């Protein structure tokens, strides 16, 4: 018999997989083990995802809401409770993580930001992040994007870019 938590996790996992599968978004698709300088070039005259989302203010708002959701989501275990190295979710550390996420998402979507944090593989090594936690984290991002009213294509594109970081984050 399924518990409410496992049922919710299964529903969230299915939702993320359904959303990403049609766009060929296999985990690890971008292999982002080292930071990128910016997103792929756009055709002339076409706006970048960064521009379509609304630039730096919108990216910051997305990240603020997304991280707040993930911190509250027991299926994500953002603070790594029960792991050798727990993360202190105090105001300073949360602000620092949000700033790095904003840089990274801005850069990933074609904005002018340069990610100044450690590469993703180094950062997440030893955190023992499970596939379920990863998929719940992406589902939290989708809920944030849904709540902010972004269009379906922009949501799919951002989720696809984020899914490409899978291999650098999820423990093998």
C-alpha atoms as a PDB file:
ATOM      1  CA  UNK A   1       0.000   0.000   0.000  1.00  0.00           C
ATOM      2  CA  UNK A   2       1.343   3.427  -0.944  1.00  0.00           C
ATOM      3  CA  UNK A   3       1.699   6.219   1.559  1.00  0.00           C
ATOM      4  CA  UNK A   4       0.584   9.731   0.715  1.00  0.00           C
ATOM      5  CA  UNK A   5       4.230  10.796   0.435  1.00  0.00           C
ATOM      6  CA  UNK A   6       5.224   7.981  -1.909  1.00  0.00           C
ATOM      7  CA  UNK A   7       2.098   8.533  -3.988  1.00  0.00           C
ATOM      8  CA  UNK A   8       2.852  12.253  -4.257  1.00  0.00           C
ATOM      9  CA  UNK A   9       6.475  11.512  -5.160  1.00  0.00           C
ATOM     10  CA  UNK A  10       5.419   9.019  -7.830  1.00  0.00           C
ATOM     11  CA  UNK A  11       2.954  11.536  -9.249  1.00  0.00           C
ATOM     12  CA  UNK A  12       5.643  14.247  -9.275  1.00  0.00           C
ATOM     13  CA  UNK A  13       8.180  11.943 -10.921  1.00  0.00           C
ATOM     14  CA  UNK A  14       5.703  10.926 -13.588  1.00  0.00           C
ATOM     15  CA  UNK A  15       4.805  14.564 -14.230  1.00  0.00           C
ATOM     16  CA  UNK A  16       8.434  15.596 -14.734  1.00  0.00           C
ATOM     17  CA  UNK A  17       9.164  12.621 -16.979  1.00  0.00           C
ATOM     18  CA  UNK A  18       6.052  13.288 -19.066  1.00  0.00           C
ATOM     19  CA  UNK A  19       7.020  16.933 -19.430  1.00  0.00           C
ATOM     20  CA  UNK A  20      10.601  16.239 -20.447  1.00  0.00           C
ATOM     21  CA  UNK A  21      10.337  13.072 -22.541  1.00  0.00           C
ATOM     22  CA  UNK A  22       8.890  14.659 -25.722  1.00  0.00           C
ATOM     23  CA  UNK A  23      11.853  17.006 -25.976  1.00  0.00           C
ATOM     24  CA  UNK A  24      14.490  14.302 -25.889  1.00  0.00           C
ATOM     25  CA  UNK A  25      15.610  15.320 -22.445  1.00  0.00           C
ATOM     26  CA  UNK A  26      17.450  12.281 -21.221  1.00  0.00           C
ATOM     27  CA  UNK A  27      19.211  12.819 -17.891  1.00  0.00           C
ATOM     28  CA  UNK A  28      22.726  14.108 -18.396  1.00  0.00           C
ATOM     29  CA  UNK A  29      22.012  15.534 -21.817  1.00  0.00           C
ATOM     30  CA  UNK A  30      24.241  18.571 -21.427  1.00  0.00           C
ATOM     31  CA  UNK A  31      26.918  17.001 -19.253  1.00  0.00           C
ATOM     32  CA  UNK A  32      27.501  20.203 -17.291  1.00  0.00           C
ATOM     33  CA  UNK A  33      30.440  19.109 -15.194  1.00  0.00           C
ATOM     34  CA  UNK A  34      32.069  22.500 -15.612  1.00  0.00           C
ATOM     35  CA  UNK A  35      30.419  25.909 -15.814  1.00  0.00           C
ATOM     36  CA  UNK A  36      29.332  27.272 -19.161  1.00  0.00           C
ATOM     37  CA  UNK A  37      29.960  30.843 -20.220  1.00  0.00           C
ATOM     38  CA  UNK A  38      26.505  31.235 -21.767  1.00  0.00           C
ATOM     39  CA  UNK A  39      23.664  29.368 -23.440  1.00  0.00           C
ATOM     40  CA  UNK A  40      23.834  28.250 -27.069  1.00  0.00           C
ATOM     41  CA  UNK A  41      23.666  30.999 -29.685  1.00  0.00           C
ATOM     42  CA  UNK A  42      20.220  32.138 -30.776  1.00  0.00           C
ATOM     43  CA  UNK A  43      19.302  32.652 -34.405  1.00  0.00           C
ATOM     44  CA  UNK A  44      19.499  36.328 -35.430  1.00  0.00           C
ATOM     45  CA  UNK A  45      16.476  38.295 -34.292  1.00  0.00           C
ATOM     46  CA  UNK A  46      15.223  35.566 -31.945  1.00  0.00           C
ATOM     47  CA  UNK A  47      15.060  36.313 -28.218  1.00  0.00           C
ATOM     48  CA  UNK A  48      16.984  34.137 -25.786  1.00  0.00           C
ATOM     49  CA  UNK A  49      15.110  32.190 -23.131  1.00  0.00           C
ATOM     50  CA  UNK A  50      16.598  34.646 -20.642  1.00  0.00           C
ATOM     51  CA  UNK A  51      14.906  37.527 -22.479  1.00  0.00           C
ATOM     52  CA  UNK A  52      11.636  35.640 -22.931  1.00  0.00           C
ATOM     53  CA  UNK A  53      11.490  34.857 -19.212  1.00  0.00           C
ATOM     54  CA  UNK A  54      11.971  38.537 -18.350  1.00  0.00           C
ATOM     55  CA  UNK A  55      15.693  38.895 -17.663  1.00  0.00           C
ATOM     56  CA  UNK A  56      17.431  39.208 -14.326  1.00  0.00           C
ATOM     57  CA  UNK A  57      14.422  40.314 -12.232  1.00  0.00           C
ATOM     58  CA  UNK A  58      12.326  37.373 -13.436  1.00  0.00           C
ATOM     59  CA  UNK A  59      15.181  34.864 -13.041  1.00  0.00           C
ATOM     60  CA  UNK A  60      15.726  36.080  -9.463  1.00  0.00           C
ATOM     61  CA  UNK A  61      11.997  35.757  -8.726  1.00  0.00           C
ATOM     62  CA  UNK A  62      11.921  32.236 -10.195  1.00  0.00           C
ATOM     63  CA  UNK A  63      14.944  31.175  -8.145  1.00  0.00           C
ATOM     64  CA  UNK A  64      13.609  32.755  -4.923  1.00  0.00           C
ATOM     65  CA  UNK A  65      10.296  30.912  -5.187  1.00  0.00           C
ATOM     66  CA  UNK A  66      11.854  27.656  -6.433  1.00  0.00           C
ATOM     67  CA  UNK A  67      14.451  27.438  -3.655  1.00  0.00           C
ATOM     68  CA  UNK A  68      11.839  28.314  -1.031  1.00  0.00           C
ATOM     69  CA  UNK A  69       9.642  25.477  -2.373  1.00  0.00           C
ATOM     70  CA  UNK A  70      12.564  23.047  -2.401  1.00  0.00           C
ATOM     71  CA  UNK A  71      13.511  23.957   1.172  1.00  0.00           C
ATOM     72  CA  UNK A  72       9.966  23.070   2.271  1.00  0.00           C
ATOM     73  CA  UNK A  73       9.759  19.903   0.131  1.00  0.00           C
ATOM     74  CA  UNK A  74      10.620  16.907   2.305  1.00  0.00           C
ATOM     75  CA  UNK A  75      11.109  14.848  -0.879  1.00  0.00           C
ATOM     76  CA  UNK A  76      14.046  17.083  -1.862  1.00  0.00           C
ATOM     77  CA  UNK A  77      15.952  17.057   1.456  1.00  0.00           C
ATOM     78  CA  UNK A  78      17.695  20.286   0.503  1.00  0.00           C
ATOM     79  CA  UNK A  79      19.547  20.510   3.819  1.00  0.00           C
ATOM     80  CA  UNK A  80      20.829  16.904   3.364  1.00  0.00           C
ATOM     81  CA  UNK A  81      19.407  15.744   6.718  1.00  0.00           C
ATOM     82  CA  UNK A  82      20.758  12.312   7.624  1.00  0.00           C
ATOM     83  CA  UNK A  83      23.763  12.723   5.322  1.00  0.00           C
ATOM     84  CA  UNK A  84      27.375  13.150   6.508  1.00  0.00           C
ATOM     85  CA  UNK A  85      27.392  16.848   5.616  1.00  0.00           C
ATOM     86  CA  UNK A  86      24.166  18.663   6.422  1.00  0.00           C
ATOM     87  CA  UNK A  87      23.645  22.128   5.023  1.00  0.00           C
ATOM     88  CA  UNK A  88      22.758  24.973   7.392  1.00  0.00           C
ATOM     89  CA  UNK A  89      19.649  26.641   5.943  1.00  0.00           C
ATOM     90  CA  UNK A  90      20.267  29.942   7.712  1.00  0.00           C
ATOM     91  CA  UNK A  91      19.431  33.265   6.027  1.00  0.00           C
ATOM     92  CA  UNK A  92      23.011  33.862   4.846  1.00  0.00           C
ATOM     93  CA  UNK A  93      23.491  30.412   3.300  1.00  0.00           C
ATOM     94  CA  UNK A  94      20.048  30.508   1.649  1.00  0.00           C
ATOM     95  CA  UNK A  95      20.817  33.939   0.176  1.00  0.00           C
ATOM     96  CA  UNK A  96      24.183  32.660  -1.100  1.00  0.00           C
ATOM     97  CA  UNK A  97      22.594  29.598  -2.754  1.00  0.00           C
ATOM     98  CA  UNK A  98      19.915  31.773  -4.350  1.00  0.00           C
ATOM     99  CA  UNK A  99      22.572  34.125  -5.711  1.00  0.00           C
ATOM    100  CA  UNK A 100      24.538  31.224  -7.256  1.00  0.00           C
ATOM    101  CA  UNK A 101      21.359  29.672  -8.670  1.00  0.00           C
ATOM    102  CA  UNK A 102      20.370  33.029 -10.181  1.00  0.00           C
ATOM    103  CA  UNK A 103      23.789  33.337 -11.808  1.00  0.00           C
ATOM    104  CA  UNK A 104      23.637  29.800 -13.119  1.00  0.00           C
ATOM    105  CA  UNK A 105      20.073  29.963 -14.450  1.00  0.00           C
ATOM    106  CA  UNK A 106      20.769  33.378 -15.986  1.00  0.00           C
ATOM    107  CA  UNK A 107      23.848  32.028 -17.745  1.00  0.00           C
ATOM    108  CA  UNK A 108      22.133  28.786 -18.753  1.00  0.00           C
ATOM    109  CA  UNK A 109      19.256  30.669 -20.401  1.00  0.00           C
ATOM    110  CA  UNK A 110      21.460  33.030 -22.402  1.00  0.00           C
ATOM    111  CA  UNK A 111      21.808  35.961 -20.040  1.00  0.00           C
ATOM    112  CA  UNK A 112      24.967  37.966 -19.382  1.00  0.00           C
ATOM    113  CA  UNK A 113      25.650  36.312 -16.024  1.00  0.00           C
ATOM    114  CA  UNK A 114      28.829  34.355 -15.474  1.00  0.00           C
ATOM    115  CA  UNK A 115      28.438  31.566 -12.922  1.00  0.00           C
ATOM    116  CA  UNK A 116      31.136  32.083 -10.303  1.00  0.00           C
ATOM    117  CA  UNK A 117      30.466  29.036  -8.139  1.00  0.00           C
ATOM    118  CA  UNK A 118      32.269  25.722  -8.148  1.00  0.00           C
ATOM    119  CA  UNK A 119      31.467  23.354 -11.003  1.00  0.00           C
ATOM    120  CA  UNK A 120      28.357  21.276 -10.442  1.00  0.00           C
ATOM    121  CA  UNK A 121      30.103  17.931 -10.140  1.00  0.00           C
ATOM    122  CA  UNK A 122      32.513  19.169  -7.460  1.00  0.00           C
ATOM    123  CA  UNK A 123      29.716  20.933  -5.598  1.00  0.00           C
ATOM    124  CA  UNK A 124      27.427  17.893  -5.465  1.00  0.00           C
ATOM    125  CA  UNK A 125      29.970  15.097  -4.974  1.00  0.00           C
ATOM    126  CA  UNK A 126      29.248  13.300  -1.713  1.00  0.00           C
ATOM    127  CA  UNK A 127      25.799  14.826  -1.227  1.00  0.00           C
ATOM    128  CA  UNK A 128      24.143  11.497  -2.107  1.00  0.00           C
ATOM    129  CA  UNK A 129      21.304  13.163  -4.008  1.00  0.00           C
ATOM    130  CA  UNK A 130      18.883  10.482  -5.170  1.00  0.00           C
ATOM    131  CA  UNK A 131      16.991  10.319  -8.445  1.00  0.00           C
ATOM    132  CA  UNK A 132      13.757  10.882  -6.512  1.00  0.00           C
ATOM    133  CA  UNK A 133      15.119  13.989  -4.803  1.00  0.00           C
ATOM    134  CA  UNK A 134      16.327  15.329  -8.147  1.00  0.00           C
ATOM    135  CA  UNK A 135      12.970  14.778  -9.829  1.00  0.00           C
ATOM    136  CA  UNK A 136      11.145  16.397  -6.900  1.00  0.00           C
ATOM    137  CA  UNK A 137      13.471  19.389  -7.200  1.00  0.00           C
ATOM    138  CA  UNK A 138      12.607  19.741 -10.903  1.00  0.00           C
ATOM    139  CA  UNK A 139       8.913  19.346 -10.070  1.00  0.00           C
ATOM    140  CA  UNK A 140       9.285  22.227  -7.594  1.00  0.00           C
ATOM    141  CA  UNK A 141      10.753  24.330 -10.405  1.00  0.00           C
ATOM    142  CA  UNK A 142       7.810  23.439 -12.639  1.00  0.00           C
ATOM    143  CA  UNK A 143       5.348  24.417  -9.890  1.00  0.00           C
ATOM    144  CA  UNK A 144       7.143  27.755  -9.566  1.00  0.00           C
ATOM    145  CA  UNK A 145       6.984  28.381 -13.321  1.00  0.00           C
ATOM    146  CA  UNK A 146       3.300  27.370 -13.400  1.00  0.00           C
ATOM    147  CA  UNK A 147       2.466  29.715 -10.515  1.00  0.00           C
ATOM    148  CA  UNK A 148       4.181  32.604 -12.318  1.00  0.00           C
ATOM    149  CA  UNK A 149       2.274  32.026 -15.537  1.00  0.00           C
ATOM    150  CA  UNK A 150       5.135  31.358 -17.951  1.00  0.00           C
ATOM    151  CA  UNK A 151       4.150  29.884 -21.298  1.00  0.00           C
ATOM    152  CA  UNK A 152       4.459  26.154 -21.931  1.00  0.00           C
ATOM    153  CA  UNK A 153       7.337  26.375 -24.421  1.00  0.00           C
ATOM    154  CA  UNK A 154       9.506  28.520 -22.146  1.00  0.00           C
ATOM    155  CA  UNK A 155       8.814  26.218 -19.179  1.00  0.00           C
ATOM    156  CA  UNK A 156       9.743  23.163 -21.242  1.00  0.00           C
ATOM    157  CA  UNK A 157      12.938  24.789 -22.496  1.00  0.00           C
ATOM    158  CA  UNK A 158      14.086  25.774 -19.015  1.00  0.00           C
ATOM    159  CA  UNK A 159      13.269  22.357 -17.560  1.00  0.00           C
ATOM    160  CA  UNK A 160      15.140  20.715 -20.416  1.00  0.00           C
ATOM    161  CA  UNK A 161      18.224  22.836 -19.761  1.00  0.00           C
ATOM    162  CA  UNK A 162      18.059  22.073 -16.045  1.00  0.00           C
ATOM    163  CA  UNK A 163      17.573  18.352 -16.672  1.00  0.00           C
ATOM    164  CA  UNK A 164      20.854  18.382 -18.562  1.00  0.00           C
ATOM    165  CA  UNK A 165      22.671  18.905 -15.266  1.00  0.00           C
ATOM    166  CA  UNK A 166      21.446  15.545 -13.930  1.00  0.00           C
ATOM    167  CA  UNK A 167      24.729  13.600 -14.131  1.00  0.00           C
ATOM    168  CA  UNK A 168      26.672  16.271 -12.287  1.00  0.00           C
ATOM    169  CA  UNK A 169      24.137  16.343  -9.427  1.00  0.00           C
ATOM    170  CA  UNK A 170      22.557  12.914  -8.885  1.00  0.00           C
ATOM    171  CA  UNK A 171      24.636  10.372  -6.992  1.00  0.00           C
ATOM    172  CA  UNK A 172      25.537   7.286  -8.945  1.00  0.00           C
END
